[in-house]
Amino acid sequence: MYIEFQIPKHTGVAAQHALWEIKKEIELWSQRYGIPYTQKTIKWTHRLGFNREEHFSLFGMTWQAGREDYPSWLNYQIVDISNERY
């Protein structure tokens, strides 16, 4: 399971800024709740992972994206890899 953020498909500074903002918000969230995480960026997606399943629930309940003042790239989806085919 992981959390996926979509990076806007712009080149240069716009995409870099979006990724920087995603990482900054994740770090602030992690510090607020004391939860370690892993992350990686693949093409136009940024993935966030936790070691414990309950952290995904906490993230879903406490992530502040979706507020009017948040940009759309701070919206996320939780991906369950057991549902994916390889």
Protein backbone atom coordinates (compact mmCIF):
# COMPACT_ATOMS: atom_id res chain seq x y z
CA MET A 1 0.00 0.00 0.00
CA TYR A 2 1.19 3.53 -0.69
CA ILE A 3 -0.10 7.06 -1.07
CA GLU A 4 0.28 8.63 -4.49
CA PHE A 5 0.41 12.31 -5.41
CA GLN A 6 0.18 13.42 -9.05
CA ILE A 7 2.79 15.98 -10.06
CA PRO A 8 1.52 18.46 -12.67
CA LYS A 9 2.92 17.53 -16.08
CA HIS A 10 4.76 20.79 -16.60
CA THR A 11 8.40 21.09 -17.37
CA GLY A 12 10.97 22.94 -15.36
CA VAL A 13 10.17 25.14 -12.42
CA ALA A 14 6.43 24.46 -12.14
CA ALA A 15 6.85 20.69 -11.69
CA GLN A 16 9.84 21.15 -9.39
CA HIS A 17 7.88 23.58 -7.24
CA ALA A 18 4.93 21.19 -6.99
CA LEU A 19 7.21 18.31 -5.94
CA TRP A 20 8.99 20.54 -3.42
CA GLU A 21 5.64 21.57 -1.93
CA ILE A 22 4.42 17.96 -1.71
CA LYS A 23 7.60 16.92 0.10
CA LYS A 24 7.44 19.93 2.43
CA GLU A 25 3.83 19.18 3.43
CA ILE A 26 4.63 15.50 3.98
CA GLU A 27 7.55 16.43 6.23
CA LEU A 28 5.38 18.83 8.26
CA TRP A 29 2.69 16.16 8.63
CA SER A 30 5.27 13.55 9.67
CA GLN A 31 6.74 15.85 12.31
CA ARG A 32 3.29 16.76 13.66
CA TYR A 33 2.31 13.11 14.23
CA GLY A 34 5.76 11.58 14.78
CA ILE A 35 5.37 9.01 12.00
CA PRO A 36 8.35 7.87 9.91
CA TYR A 37 7.86 7.40 6.18
CA THR A 38 9.56 6.55 2.93
CA GLN A 39 9.05 8.34 -0.35
CA LYS A 40 10.11 8.19 -3.96
CA THR A 41 9.26 9.96 -7.18
CA ILE A 42 8.58 7.99 -10.36
CA LYS A 43 7.90 10.02 -13.49
CA TRP A 44 4.92 12.25 -12.69
CA THR A 45 3.95 10.62 -9.38
CA HIS A 46 5.31 10.92 -5.87
CA ARG A 47 4.80 7.89 -3.61
CA LEU A 48 4.62 7.92 0.16
CA GLY A 49 4.83 4.78 2.26
CA PHE A 50 4.49 3.82 5.91
CA ASN A 51 5.54 0.68 7.78
CA ARG A 52 2.22 0.29 9.61
CA GLU A 53 -1.23 0.10 8.00
CA GLU A 54 -2.87 2.25 10.66
CA HIS A 55 -0.69 5.17 9.57
CA PHE A 56 -2.51 5.20 6.22
CA SER A 57 -5.81 5.65 8.06
CA LEU A 58 -4.36 8.44 10.19
CA PHE A 59 -3.00 10.13 7.09
CA GLY A 60 -6.40 9.97 5.42
CA MET A 61 -8.11 11.49 8.45
CA THR A 62 -5.59 14.26 9.10
CA TRP A 63 -4.16 15.36 5.73
CA GLN A 64 -5.28 18.91 5.10
CA ALA A 65 -5.37 18.83 1.28
CA GLY A 66 -8.69 19.63 -0.26
CA ARG A 67 -8.97 22.93 1.53
CA GLU A 68 -9.71 25.82 -0.78
CA ASP A 69 -6.24 27.31 -0.34
CA TYR A 70 -4.42 24.05 -1.18
CA PRO A 71 -3.24 23.45 -4.75
CA SER A 72 -4.62 20.39 -6.54
CA TRP A 73 -1.29 18.52 -6.51
CA LEU A 74 -1.61 18.07 -2.74
CA ASN A 75 -4.60 15.78 -3.31
CA TYR A 76 -3.74 12.09 -3.11
CA GLN A 77 -5.03 8.59 -3.55
CA ILE A 78 -4.25 5.50 -1.51
CA VAL A 79 -3.12 2.65 -3.75
CA ASP A 80 -3.48 -0.94 -2.55
CA ILE A 81 -0.82 -2.91 -4.43
CA SER A 82 -2.60 -6.20 -3.81
CA ASN A 83 -5.17 -5.00 -6.37
CA GLU A 84 -2.55 -4.30 -9.06
CA ARG A 85 -1.52 -6.78 -11.72
CA TYR A 86 2.03 -7.17 -12.97
